[in-house]
Amino acid sequence: MIGKIGNLSGKLLTWIDNFRISEKVAGLVGLLVVVLVLLVVMSIQTVRLQSEYRRQLATSTAAAVNIGRVNALIYAIVMESRGVYMSSDPATAKHYADEILRRNRQLSAVMTEWDKADDFGDEAQFAAFRERVFKFVSFRKELARRATQIGPEAGRSWGDNEANRSLRIALNDDIEALEKELDKHALEVAKLADRTRSASWYLASLGFAGLLLAALNLLIVRRSVTKPLAEIAKTTDLIATGTTNLAIPYDRNVDEIGHLARAVRNFRDATSRNQELIQLELGTAHQRDRAMGERDRLNDKYLETRWQLGAALNNMAQGLIMIDGKGKVLTVNQRYRTMYNIPAEIIVPDMSLRDLLAYRAKHGMFEGNVDEFMKSILDRVAKGKPSTAEVSLPDGRLIRVSEEPMAGGGWVATHEDYTERRRAERMLERTEKFLVSVLETVPQAIVAKDARDLRYVFINRAAEKLMGLPRAEVIGKTVRDLFPADTAIEIEGQDREVLEGNRENEFVLRNIRTPNNGERLVAVRRLRIADQASESMLISMIEDRTGELAVTEAAA
């Protein structure tokens, strides 16, 4: 399992390496933003569900407690009333009557408290229940009064009637209905708890996905940008300390990194030879003299290597500028000075980037606020994040600026004049659209096949009409996949004769059976062409002359 994950990760990184750095970072940042937005939405939803769950749980708990208290107090009042019924002694009857009044006050207080909560499902049902409770309280209050002021017999006669029994039955029915409503509410609370747990899991999953995307973003930036520069810088530091028995990384690259690595390799060789000369000085005077001469020669080679390093920078197609962490200009190459018309004497030691930008703005080579631009650059340097942007100059040129942080602080940027490339891209796009529109409007059927396997790579509208098939069912297939077997063999044989040079590129008149348009009389001319990559294609121009044959036969 771990091996499969490793293979999958390697294939993913190889596939990502085919994209530009800006495309990699933009894609990953876009995915990260989507995950963060979903994370915020799910966080809000989770908080809302948890709040609703706590509210409904508290409501259910309070309703259950109140139902239990009301039921218990009604039962207690009924039992105290039975004490009045069964008492013949006025003092005993008064004791039970006082208990009835005390329980009545407790029951009234519970109903008042419950009514203030104002959070019950069926308000009409609760209002009817509350009215019957207060009637029950009033009835028991009158029973207590009669039992104490008139006598136990009067209390018993007041309580023993059909109205009292009907009220008790109605109260029991109300309590049962409230308990059923409470059961339904408890089920809703349980469902809400399940939704809250699900939302929490979704939230955790989104957080994990965000962490994975952030880690992948850091991995790509390290692999594509910072790692090559860091390894070359580390190698240069080792050479400067005298370690020359080491390999120079990325010296086989054909880009600017490769030029820089090869210059460092020359520097390593020169340093290694200098160390050998120092050891030779410990020999004889003659050897010392020879070593001194060799050292002078190698010093010249060292200076030549330094010159080559400078030449490599100055011969770059892009302008290059390097600054330290405080915004001081370390170096610029010739292309940068030429791009912005900056004389060499303007670049002086300890010159700040702000002064350089101010000079460019003064001479029409920068537009915008210099201080704000400086602040944005220093912020990016401090964060150590690479960036790419396109900047328009006042003279109409378009400059692509790619910024990369340096190990230990600082920043290096390449400036590329993108004007002609962007103009060429637009011109190429217009030309391609024009050619496609021309091919789609000509009356002859035009098809293009890959010379290697004779698969269709293009057909125009006339070819679709001739075959009786849409191009989506033709592209990527061979004649054997589309035409009847005898027709397919004949067409394929003629195609290969043209590709092998055994047939002239003249029109050939013949009958063919099309895939979905019957038998047609066509005139076919084939041409073999090759592009700049030496990849051959076979172009067939087909005229449908079936109508001409029908006219000729009709005339005959």
Protein backbone atom coordinates (compact mmCIF):
# COMPACT_ATOMS: atom_id res chain seq x y z
CA MET A 1 0.00 0.00 0.00
CA ILE A 2 2.78 2.43 0.91
CA GLY A 3 4.58 1.59 -2.35
CA LYS A 4 1.46 2.36 -4.38
CA ILE A 5 1.05 5.70 -2.61
CA GLY A 6 4.71 6.52 -3.32
CA ASN A 7 4.32 5.65 -7.03
CA LEU A 8 1.16 7.74 -7.24
CA SER A 9 2.90 10.70 -5.57
CA GLY A 10 5.83 10.44 -8.00
CA LYS A 11 3.51 10.41 -11.02
CA LEU A 12 1.58 13.39 -9.62
CA LEU A 13 4.75 15.44 -9.11
CA THR A 14 5.99 14.52 -12.61
CA TRP A 15 2.67 15.64 -14.07
CA ILE A 16 2.76 18.89 -12.09
CA ASP A 17 6.30 19.61 -13.34
CA ASN A 18 4.84 20.00 -16.86
CA PHE A 19 3.07 23.20 -15.80
CA ARG A 20 4.56 26.66 -15.30
CA ILE A 21 5.26 27.78 -11.76
CA SER A 22 2.57 30.47 -11.94
CA GLU A 23 0.01 27.89 -13.13
CA LYS A 24 0.93 25.49 -10.33
CA VAL A 25 0.67 28.12 -7.61
CA ALA A 26 -2.51 29.67 -9.05
CA GLY A 27 -4.24 26.30 -9.32
CA LEU A 28 -3.34 25.23 -5.80
CA VAL A 29 -4.23 28.61 -4.31
CA GLY A 30 -7.58 28.46 -6.13
CA LEU A 31 -8.31 25.02 -4.67
CA LEU A 32 -7.21 26.23 -1.24
CA VAL A 33 -9.55 29.23 -1.46
CA VAL A 34 -12.47 26.94 -2.41
CA VAL A 35 -11.71 24.66 0.55
CA LEU A 36 -11.43 27.65 2.91
CA VAL A 37 -14.76 29.06 1.69
CA LEU A 38 -16.41 25.67 2.23
CA LEU A 39 -14.72 25.49 5.64
CA VAL A 40 -16.17 28.87 6.66
CA VAL A 41 -19.64 27.91 5.39
CA MET A 42 -19.56 24.58 7.23
CA SER A 43 -18.30 26.31 10.40
CA ILE A 44 -21.25 28.72 10.31
CA GLN A 45 -23.64 25.84 9.62
CA THR A 46 -22.17 23.78 12.48
CA VAL A 47 -22.48 26.67 14.95
CA ARG A 48 -26.06 27.26 13.85
CA LEU A 49 -26.96 23.57 14.22
CA GLN A 50 -25.31 23.34 17.64
CA SER A 51 -27.15 26.46 18.85
CA GLU A 52 -30.47 25.11 17.59
CA TYR A 53 -29.72 21.72 19.16
CA ARG A 54 -28.98 23.27 22.57
CA ARG A 55 -32.10 25.45 22.36
CA GLN A 56 -34.42 22.57 21.45
CA LEU A 57 -32.81 20.30 24.03
CA ALA A 58 -33.37 22.91 26.73
CA THR A 59 -36.96 23.39 25.56
CA SER A 60 -37.63 19.62 25.63
CA THR A 61 -36.03 19.27 29.07
CA ALA A 62 -38.04 22.19 30.51
CA ALA A 63 -41.29 20.83 29.01
CA ALA A 64 -40.62 17.35 30.43
CA VAL A 65 -39.90 18.79 33.89
CA ASN A 66 -43.03 20.98 33.81
CA ILE A 67 -45.26 18.10 32.68
CA GLY A 68 -43.90 15.95 35.52
CA ARG A 69 -44.37 18.72 38.10
CA VAL A 70 -47.94 19.50 36.97
CA ASN A 71 -48.90 15.82 36.94
CA ALA A 72 -47.39 15.29 40.42
CA LEU A 73 -49.10 18.38 41.89
CA ILE A 74 -52.50 17.41 40.41
CA TYR A 75 -52.11 13.95 41.90
CA ALA A 76 -51.09 15.43 45.27
CA ILE A 77 -54.11 17.80 45.27
CA VAL A 78 -56.44 14.91 44.43
CA MET A 79 -55.00 12.86 47.31
CA GLU A 80 -55.38 15.81 49.75
CA SER A 81 -59.00 16.17 48.54
CA ARG A 82 -59.62 12.53 49.39
CA GLY A 83 -58.33 13.32 52.87
CA VAL A 84 -61.03 15.98 53.17
CA TYR A 85 -63.66 13.55 51.88
CA MET A 86 -62.71 10.90 54.42
CA SER A 87 -62.36 13.26 57.46
CA SER A 88 -65.18 13.72 59.96
CA ASP A 89 -63.14 15.88 62.34
CA PRO A 90 -63.10 19.62 61.33
CA ALA A 91 -59.46 20.01 62.51
CA THR A 92 -58.29 17.14 60.31
CA ALA A 93 -60.33 18.44 57.39
CA LYS A 94 -58.75 21.90 57.86
CA HIS A 95 -55.26 20.34 57.72
CA TYR A 96 -56.04 18.70 54.37
CA ALA A 97 -57.68 21.89 53.12
CA ASP A 98 -54.54 23.91 53.92
CA GLU A 99 -52.45 21.37 52.00
CA ILE A 100 -54.82 21.71 49.03
CA LEU A 101 -54.37 25.50 49.06
CA ARG A 102 -50.58 25.16 49.30
CA ARG A 103 -50.48 22.69 46.41
CA ASN A 104 -52.80 25.01 44.46
CA ARG A 105 -50.29 27.86 44.84
CA GLN A 106 -47.44 25.61 43.70
CA LEU A 107 -49.45 24.44 40.67
CA SER A 108 -50.34 28.03 39.73
CA ALA A 109 -46.69 29.07 40.03
CA VAL A 110 -45.59 26.18 37.77
CA MET A 111 -48.17 27.09 35.11
CA THR A 112 -47.19 30.77 35.26
CA GLU A 113 -43.51 29.90 34.86
CA TRP A 114 -44.32 27.50 32.00
CA ASP A 115 -46.45 30.13 30.26
CA LYS A 116 -43.57 32.66 30.39
CA ALA A 117 -41.31 30.23 28.54
CA ASP A 118 -43.62 30.78 25.49
CA ASP A 119 -41.99 27.98 23.48
CA PHE A 120 -44.50 25.19 23.05
CA GLY A 121 -45.38 23.55 19.74
CA ASP A 122 -49.21 23.80 19.73
CA GLU A 123 -50.19 27.10 21.39
CA ALA A 124 -53.93 26.37 21.17
CA GLN A 125 -53.47 22.99 22.88
CA PHE A 126 -51.38 24.57 25.65
CA ALA A 127 -53.90 27.40 26.15
CA ALA A 128 -56.75 24.89 26.61
CA PHE A 129 -54.62 22.87 29.03
CA ARG A 130 -53.71 25.99 31.02
CA GLU A 131 -57.39 27.02 31.26
CA ARG A 132 -58.40 23.57 32.57
CA VAL A 133 -55.57 23.65 35.14
CA PHE A 134 -56.71 27.01 36.47
CA LYS A 135 -60.33 25.70 36.59
CA PHE A 136 -59.02 22.72 38.56
CA VAL A 137 -57.21 25.08 40.94
CA SER A 138 -60.30 27.23 41.37
CA PHE A 139 -62.50 24.19 41.99
CA ARG A 140 -60.13 22.78 44.65
CA LYS A 141 -59.85 26.21 46.28
CA GLU A 142 -63.63 26.32 46.67
CA LEU A 143 -63.59 22.74 48.04
CA ALA A 144 -61.06 23.79 50.72
CA ARG A 145 -63.14 26.84 51.62
CA ARG A 146 -66.34 24.81 52.06
CA ALA A 147 -64.53 22.12 54.07
CA THR A 148 -63.10 24.68 56.55
CA GLN A 149 -65.91 27.22 56.74
CA ILE A 150 -68.96 24.96 56.48
CA GLY A 151 -67.77 21.46 57.23
CA PRO A 152 -66.19 18.32 55.77
CA GLU A 153 -69.57 17.16 54.51
CA ALA A 154 -69.98 20.35 52.46
CA GLY A 155 -66.51 19.86 50.90
CA ARG A 156 -67.30 16.26 50.06
CA SER A 157 -70.60 17.16 48.41
CA TRP A 158 -68.86 19.90 46.35
CA GLY A 159 -66.16 17.55 45.05
CA ASP A 160 -68.31 14.53 44.31
CA ASN A 161 -69.93 15.62 40.97
CA GLU A 162 -69.75 14.93 37.24
CA ALA A 163 -68.09 18.28 36.41
CA ASN A 164 -65.12 17.43 38.66
CA ARG A 165 -64.70 14.00 37.07
CA SER A 166 -64.95 15.44 33.52
CA LEU A 167 -62.31 18.05 34.34
CA ARG A 168 -59.97 15.36 35.75
CA ILE A 169 -60.39 13.20 32.62
CA ALA A 170 -59.73 16.20 30.37
CA LEU A 171 -56.58 17.04 32.34
CA ASN A 172 -55.32 13.45 32.02
CA ASP A 173 -55.96 13.57 28.26
CA ASP A 174 -54.10 16.90 28.01
CA ILE A 175 -51.09 15.52 29.87
CA GLU A 176 -51.00 12.44 27.61
CA ALA A 177 -51.21 14.67 24.52
CA LEU A 178 -48.40 16.87 25.86
CA GLU A 179 -46.26 13.79 26.51
CA LYS A 180 -46.80 12.62 22.91
CA GLU A 181 -45.86 16.08 21.63
CA LEU A 182 -42.78 15.92 23.85
CA ASP A 183 -41.84 12.53 22.34
CA LYS A 184 -42.06 14.01 18.82
CA HIS A 185 -39.92 16.95 19.90
CA ALA A 186 -37.34 14.54 21.38
CA LEU A 187 -37.10 12.73 18.03
CA GLU A 188 -36.49 16.05 16.27
CA VAL A 189 -33.76 16.87 18.79
CA ALA A 190 -32.12 13.49 18.13
CA LYS A 191 -32.19 14.10 14.36
CA LEU A 192 -30.69 17.55 14.90
CA ALA A 193 -27.91 15.96 16.98
CA ASP A 194 -27.13 13.56 14.10
CA ARG A 195 -26.95 16.48 11.65
CA THR A 196 -24.63 18.33 14.02
CA ARG A 197 -22.28 15.31 14.21
CA SER A 198 -22.28 14.99 10.41
CA ALA A 199 -21.48 18.68 10.00
CA SER A 200 -18.60 18.31 12.47
CA TRP A 201 -17.16 15.44 10.41
CA TYR A 202 -17.49 17.45 7.19
CA LEU A 203 -15.76 20.36 8.90
CA ALA A 204 -12.88 18.15 10.02
CA SER A 205 -12.55 16.67 6.50
CA LEU A 206 -12.40 20.13 4.91
CA GLY A 207 -9.76 21.20 7.41
CA PHE A 208 -7.66 18.15 6.55
CA ALA A 209 -8.07 18.86 2.82
CA GLY A 210 -6.92 22.45 3.38
CA LEU A 211 -3.81 21.23 5.20
CA LEU A 212 -3.02 18.81 2.35
CA LEU A 213 -3.35 21.55 -0.28
CA ALA A 214 -1.14 23.91 1.72
CA ALA A 215 1.49 21.18 2.10
CA LEU A 216 1.33 20.40 -1.65
CA ASN A 217 1.76 24.10 -2.46
CA LEU A 218 4.88 24.32 -0.29
CA LEU A 219 6.25 21.10 -1.84
CA ILE A 220 5.86 22.40 -5.41
CA VAL A 221 7.47 25.77 -4.65
CA ARG A 222 10.39 24.03 -2.95
CA ARG A 223 10.81 21.48 -5.74
CA SER A 224 10.56 23.93 -8.66
CA VAL A 225 12.21 27.13 -7.40
CA THR A 226 13.84 27.30 -4.02
CA LYS A 227 15.56 23.92 -4.05
CA PRO A 228 17.65 24.50 -7.25
CA LEU A 229 18.77 27.97 -6.14
CA ALA A 230 19.45 26.80 -2.59
CA GLU A 231 21.54 23.84 -3.75
CA ILE A 232 23.60 26.00 -6.13
CA ALA A 233 24.12 28.63 -3.41
CA LYS A 234 25.14 25.93 -0.91
CA THR A 235 27.59 24.46 -3.42
CA THR A 236 29.09 27.91 -4.04
CA ASP A 237 29.54 28.43 -0.28
CA LEU A 238 31.31 25.06 0.02
CA ILE A 239 33.66 25.96 -2.85
CA ALA A 240 34.39 29.30 -1.19
CA THR A 241 35.44 27.46 1.99
CA GLY A 242 37.84 25.25 0.01
CA THR A 243 35.74 22.15 -0.65
CA THR A 244 36.15 21.37 -4.34
CA ASN A 245 35.60 17.62 -4.48
CA LEU A 246 31.88 17.86 -5.13
CA ALA A 247 29.41 17.74 -8.02
CA ILE A 248 27.69 20.86 -9.30
CA PRO A 249 23.91 20.36 -9.34
CA TYR A 250 21.76 21.28 -12.37
CA ASP A 251 24.81 21.88 -14.63
CA ARG A 252 23.08 19.88 -17.39
CA ASN A 253 20.12 22.26 -17.54
CA VAL A 254 19.86 24.36 -20.70
CA ASP A 255 18.28 27.39 -18.99
CA GLU A 256 19.81 30.22 -16.96
CA ILE A 257 20.13 27.91 -13.95
CA GLY A 258 22.28 25.65 -16.13
CA HIS A 259 24.47 28.58 -17.25
CA LEU A 260 24.92 29.65 -13.64
CA ALA A 261 25.74 26.07 -12.56
CA ARG A 262 28.36 25.70 -15.31
CA ALA A 263 29.96 29.01 -14.31
CA VAL A 264 30.11 27.72 -10.71
CA ARG A 265 31.67 24.52 -12.04
CA ASN A 266 34.42 26.55 -13.75
CA PHE A 267 34.91 28.45 -10.52
CA ARG A 268 35.23 25.13 -8.66
CA ASP A 269 37.85 23.91 -11.12
CA ALA A 270 39.83 27.12 -10.80
CA THR A 271 39.67 27.00 -7.00
CA SER A 272 40.76 23.38 -7.00
CA ARG A 273 43.79 24.20 -9.11
CA ASN A 274 44.68 27.12 -6.82
CA GLN A 275 44.70 24.73 -3.87
CA GLU A 276 47.02 22.40 -5.75
CA LEU A 277 49.37 25.31 -6.40
CA ILE A 278 49.51 26.13 -2.72
CA GLN A 279 50.62 22.57 -1.99
CA LEU A 280 53.31 22.78 -4.68
CA GLU A 281 54.87 25.78 -2.92
CA LEU A 282 56.07 23.39 -0.19
CA GLY A 283 58.43 21.73 -2.73
CA THR A 284 61.72 22.93 -4.19
CA ALA A 285 62.42 26.43 -5.45
CA HIS A 286 62.24 25.22 -9.01
CA GLN A 287 58.91 23.61 -8.33
CA ARG A 288 57.87 26.81 -6.56
CA ASP A 289 58.72 28.86 -9.61
CA ARG A 290 56.84 26.54 -11.85
CA ALA A 291 53.93 26.52 -9.39
CA MET A 292 53.89 30.33 -9.30
CA GLY A 293 53.71 30.43 -13.09
CA GLU A 294 50.92 27.87 -13.04
CA ARG A 295 49.19 29.82 -10.33
CA ASP A 296 49.33 32.98 -12.40
CA ARG A 297 47.85 31.09 -15.29
CA LEU A 298 45.12 29.69 -13.11
CA ASN A 299 44.46 33.13 -11.64
CA ASP A 300 43.91 34.33 -15.15
CA LYS A 301 41.55 31.41 -15.62
CA TYR A 302 39.80 32.38 -12.40
CA LEU A 303 39.38 35.96 -13.63
CA GLU A 304 38.19 34.60 -16.94
CA THR A 305 35.68 32.46 -15.09
CA ARG A 306 34.43 35.48 -13.20
CA TRP A 307 34.16 37.32 -16.49
CA GLN A 308 32.23 34.36 -17.92
CA LEU A 309 29.87 34.49 -14.96
CA GLY A 310 29.29 38.20 -15.58
CA ALA A 311 28.95 37.56 -19.30
CA ALA A 312 26.37 34.84 -18.61
CA LEU A 313 24.30 37.33 -16.64
CA ASN A 314 24.71 40.10 -19.20
CA ASN A 315 23.88 37.78 -22.11
CA MET A 316 20.63 36.60 -20.57
CA ALA A 317 17.57 37.27 -22.69
CA GLN A 318 15.86 38.66 -19.61
CA GLY A 319 16.78 41.64 -17.49
CA LEU A 320 17.95 40.65 -14.00
CA ILE A 321 18.04 42.61 -10.75
CA MET A 322 19.06 41.36 -7.32
CA ILE A 323 18.40 43.15 -4.00
CA ASP A 324 19.10 42.32 -0.38
CA GLY A 325 16.58 42.09 2.44
CA LYS A 326 16.80 45.87 3.08
CA GLY A 327 16.01 46.87 -0.48
CA LYS A 328 19.62 47.64 -1.56
CA VAL A 329 20.51 46.86 -5.17
CA LEU A 330 23.18 44.16 -5.32
CA THR A 331 23.50 43.80 -9.09
CA VAL A 332 21.71 44.37 -12.39
CA ASN A 333 22.69 42.98 -15.78
CA GLN A 334 23.13 44.75 -19.09
CA ARG A 335 19.74 43.64 -20.39
CA TYR A 336 17.98 45.31 -17.43
CA ARG A 337 19.81 48.60 -18.02
CA THR A 338 19.03 48.49 -21.73
CA MET A 339 15.37 47.62 -21.14
CA TYR A 340 14.83 50.70 -18.97
CA ASN A 341 17.45 53.04 -20.56
CA ILE A 342 19.57 53.23 -17.39
CA PRO A 343 23.20 54.36 -17.86
CA ALA A 344 25.81 52.19 -16.14
CA GLU A 345 27.03 55.10 -13.97
CA ILE A 346 23.58 55.42 -12.38
CA ILE A 347 24.00 52.04 -10.62
CA VAL A 348 26.30 52.90 -7.70
CA PRO A 349 27.22 50.90 -4.57
CA ASP A 350 24.58 50.94 -1.79
CA MET A 351 21.99 52.26 -4.22
CA SER A 352 18.47 51.50 -3.01
CA LEU A 353 15.76 50.03 -5.19
CA ARG A 354 13.59 53.04 -4.36
CA ASP A 355 16.17 55.39 -5.89
CA LEU A 356 16.34 53.21 -8.99
CA LEU A 357 12.54 53.20 -9.34
CA ALA A 358 12.47 56.96 -8.82
CA TYR A 359 14.98 57.34 -11.68
CA ARG A 360 12.83 55.14 -13.92
CA ALA A 361 9.68 57.08 -13.03
CA LYS A 362 11.44 60.38 -13.78
CA HIS A 363 12.46 59.16 -17.25
CA GLY A 364 9.10 57.62 -18.17
CA MET A 365 10.00 53.98 -17.47
CA PHE A 366 7.72 53.45 -14.46
CA GLU A 367 4.20 54.46 -13.62
CA GLY A 368 2.50 54.27 -10.26
CA ASN A 369 3.39 55.20 -6.70
CA VAL A 370 7.03 54.37 -5.93
CA ASP A 371 6.55 54.16 -2.16
CA GLU A 372 3.58 51.80 -2.42
CA PHE A 373 5.43 49.63 -4.95
CA MET A 374 8.49 49.49 -2.66
CA LYS A 375 6.32 48.49 0.29
CA SER A 376 4.72 45.63 -1.70
CA ILE A 377 8.16 44.36 -2.80
CA LEU A 378 9.60 44.42 0.73
CA ASP A 379 6.50 42.63 2.01
CA ARG A 380 7.01 39.87 -0.56
CA VAL A 381 10.71 39.66 0.31
CA ALA A 382 9.86 39.31 3.99
CA LYS A 383 7.33 36.56 3.27
CA GLY A 384 9.75 34.74 0.96
CA LYS A 385 7.07 33.88 -1.60
CA PRO A 386 7.76 33.86 -5.39
CA SER A 387 5.44 35.78 -7.71
CA THR A 388 4.94 36.56 -11.39
CA ALA A 389 3.21 39.63 -12.81
CA GLU A 390 2.88 41.52 -16.09
CA VAL A 391 3.57 45.28 -16.03
CA SER A 392 2.72 47.78 -18.78
CA LEU A 393 5.23 50.57 -19.38
CA PRO A 394 4.22 54.10 -20.45
CA ASP A 395 5.81 53.47 -23.89
CA GLY A 396 3.37 50.57 -24.55
CA ARG A 397 5.71 47.67 -23.82
CA LEU A 398 4.54 44.70 -21.75
CA ILE A 399 7.08 43.38 -19.22
CA ARG A 400 6.73 40.02 -17.41
CA VAL A 401 8.38 40.18 -13.98
CA SER A 402 9.20 36.92 -12.15
CA GLU A 403 10.35 37.32 -8.54
CA GLU A 404 12.11 34.64 -6.50
CA PRO A 405 13.32 34.85 -2.87
CA MET A 406 16.96 34.08 -2.06
CA ALA A 407 18.19 31.95 0.80
CA GLY A 408 19.25 34.11 3.74
CA GLY A 409 17.07 37.06 2.68
CA GLY A 410 16.99 39.11 -0.45
CA TRP A 411 15.25 38.75 -3.73
CA VAL A 412 16.07 38.25 -7.43
CA ALA A 413 13.77 39.19 -10.31
CA THR A 414 13.90 38.63 -14.05
CA HIS A 415 12.27 41.13 -16.41
CA GLU A 416 11.25 39.83 -19.84
CA ASP A 417 9.93 41.99 -22.69
CA TYR A 418 6.72 40.13 -23.48
CA THR A 419 5.36 42.61 -26.01
CA GLU A 420 6.26 40.81 -29.23
CA ARG A 421 5.42 37.38 -27.85
CA ARG A 422 1.96 38.52 -26.75
CA ARG A 423 1.43 40.20 -30.13
CA ALA A 424 2.57 37.03 -31.92
CA GLU A 425 0.26 34.90 -29.79
CA ARG A 426 -2.70 37.07 -30.70
CA MET A 427 -1.74 37.06 -34.41
CA LEU A 428 -1.35 33.27 -34.37
CA GLU A 429 -4.73 32.88 -32.72
CA ARG A 430 -6.37 35.08 -35.40
CA THR A 431 -4.60 33.15 -38.19
CA GLU A 432 -5.72 29.79 -36.82
CA LYS A 433 -9.33 30.99 -36.56
CA PHE A 434 -9.16 32.29 -40.15
CA LEU A 435 -7.76 29.00 -41.51
CA VAL A 436 -10.41 26.97 -39.68
CA SER A 437 -13.18 29.18 -41.06
CA VAL A 438 -11.78 28.81 -44.61
CA LEU A 439 -11.58 24.99 -44.34
CA GLU A 440 -15.10 24.81 -42.92
CA THR A 441 -16.62 26.85 -45.78
CA VAL A 442 -15.01 25.24 -48.86
CA PRO A 443 -17.46 22.94 -50.76
CA GLN A 444 -14.94 20.08 -51.09
CA ALA A 445 -14.63 17.52 -48.34
CA ILE A 446 -11.21 17.82 -46.65
CA VAL A 447 -9.87 15.20 -44.27
CA ALA A 448 -6.51 14.91 -42.53
CA LYS A 449 -4.96 11.66 -41.27
CA ASP A 450 -1.91 10.90 -39.15
CA ALA A 451 0.66 9.38 -41.54
CA ARG A 452 1.81 6.91 -38.88
CA ASP A 453 -1.47 5.05 -38.27
CA LEU A 454 -3.86 6.70 -40.79
CA ARG A 455 -6.25 7.82 -38.06
CA TYR A 456 -8.49 10.79 -38.79
CA VAL A 457 -7.34 13.98 -37.04
CA PHE A 458 -9.57 16.52 -38.88
CA ILE A 459 -12.63 16.66 -41.16
CA ASN A 460 -14.60 19.70 -42.32
CA ARG A 461 -18.37 20.14 -42.64
CA ALA A 462 -18.40 18.93 -46.26
CA ALA A 463 -16.69 15.69 -45.15
CA GLU A 464 -19.30 15.23 -42.41
CA LYS A 465 -22.03 15.57 -45.03
CA LEU A 466 -20.27 13.16 -47.43
CA MET A 467 -19.82 10.44 -44.78
CA GLY A 468 -23.18 11.04 -43.13
CA LEU A 469 -21.46 11.13 -39.71
CA PRO A 470 -20.62 13.91 -37.25
CA ARG A 471 -16.91 14.56 -36.75
CA ALA A 472 -17.09 13.41 -33.13
CA GLU A 473 -17.71 9.86 -34.43
CA VAL A 474 -14.85 10.11 -36.97
CA ILE A 475 -11.89 11.77 -35.21
CA GLY A 476 -9.40 9.21 -33.86
CA LYS A 477 -10.69 6.33 -35.97
CA THR A 478 -9.40 4.65 -39.15
CA VAL A 479 -11.25 3.84 -42.39
CA ARG A 480 -11.55 0.23 -41.20
CA ASP A 481 -13.58 1.52 -38.21
CA LEU A 482 -16.00 3.48 -40.43
CA PHE A 483 -16.28 2.14 -44.00
CA PRO A 484 -17.32 -1.30 -45.29
CA ALA A 485 -14.41 -3.76 -45.40
CA ASP A 486 -13.81 -3.72 -49.18
CA THR A 487 -14.01 0.07 -49.41
CA ALA A 488 -11.77 0.48 -46.36
CA ILE A 489 -9.07 -1.84 -47.79
CA GLU A 490 -9.09 0.02 -51.12
CA ILE A 491 -8.89 3.49 -49.48
CA GLU A 492 -6.13 2.41 -47.11
CA GLY A 493 -4.09 0.90 -49.98
CA GLN A 494 -4.29 4.14 -51.99
CA ASP A 495 -3.31 6.16 -48.90
CA ARG A 496 -0.19 4.07 -48.33
CA GLU A 497 0.81 4.29 -52.02
CA VAL A 498 0.80 8.10 -51.74
CA LEU A 499 2.76 8.00 -48.49
CA GLU A 500 5.37 5.69 -50.05
CA GLY A 501 5.67 7.91 -53.14
CA ASN A 502 4.31 5.29 -55.55
CA ARG A 503 1.36 7.37 -56.73
CA GLU A 504 1.12 10.86 -58.18
CA ASN A 505 -0.96 13.51 -56.44
CA GLU A 506 -3.64 13.62 -59.20
CA PHE A 507 -7.42 13.39 -58.81
CA VAL A 508 -8.76 9.80 -58.80
CA LEU A 509 -12.41 9.26 -59.75
CA ARG A 510 -14.03 6.27 -58.05
CA ASN A 511 -17.20 4.97 -56.36
CA ILE A 512 -17.18 4.48 -52.61
CA ARG A 513 -19.71 3.18 -50.11
CA THR A 514 -19.90 5.77 -47.32
CA PRO A 515 -20.59 4.87 -43.69
CA ASN A 516 -24.02 6.52 -43.57
CA ASN A 517 -24.67 8.24 -46.92
CA GLY A 518 -24.92 5.40 -49.42
CA GLU A 519 -22.73 4.96 -52.50
CA ARG A 520 -21.12 8.13 -53.86
CA LEU A 521 -19.03 8.98 -56.93
CA VAL A 522 -16.05 11.02 -55.73
CA ALA A 523 -12.86 12.56 -57.11
CA VAL A 524 -10.04 12.27 -54.59
CA ARG A 525 -6.67 13.97 -54.50
CA ARG A 526 -4.13 13.11 -51.77
CA LEU A 527 -1.18 15.17 -50.53
CA ARG A 528 1.51 14.26 -48.01
CA ILE A 529 2.74 17.20 -45.92
CA ALA A 530 5.18 17.52 -43.01
CA ASP A 531 5.25 20.17 -40.28
CA GLN A 532 8.32 21.78 -38.68
CA ALA A 533 8.58 18.85 -36.26
CA SER A 534 8.91 16.47 -39.27
CA GLU A 535 5.63 14.78 -38.41
CA SER A 536 3.84 13.79 -41.64
CA MET A 537 0.13 14.04 -42.34
CA LEU A 538 -1.97 12.87 -45.29
CA ILE A 539 -4.45 15.43 -46.64
CA SER A 540 -7.31 14.22 -48.87
CA MET A 541 -9.44 16.63 -50.93
CA ILE A 542 -12.67 14.96 -52.05
CA GLU A 543 -15.25 16.25 -54.55
CA ASP A 544 -18.67 14.60 -54.50
CA ARG A 545 -19.60 14.19 -58.20
CA THR A 546 -22.63 11.96 -57.65
CA GLY A 547 -24.95 14.75 -58.77
CA GLU A 548 -22.96 15.29 -61.99
CA LEU A 549 -23.25 11.56 -62.79
CA ALA A 550 -27.00 11.68 -62.26
CA VAL A 551 -27.32 14.67 -64.61
CA THR A 552 -25.19 12.91 -67.25
CA GLU A 553 -27.26 9.73 -67.06
CA ALA A 554 -30.48 11.74 -67.27
CA ALA A 555 -29.20 13.55 -70.38
CA ALA A 556 -28.24 10.25 -71.96
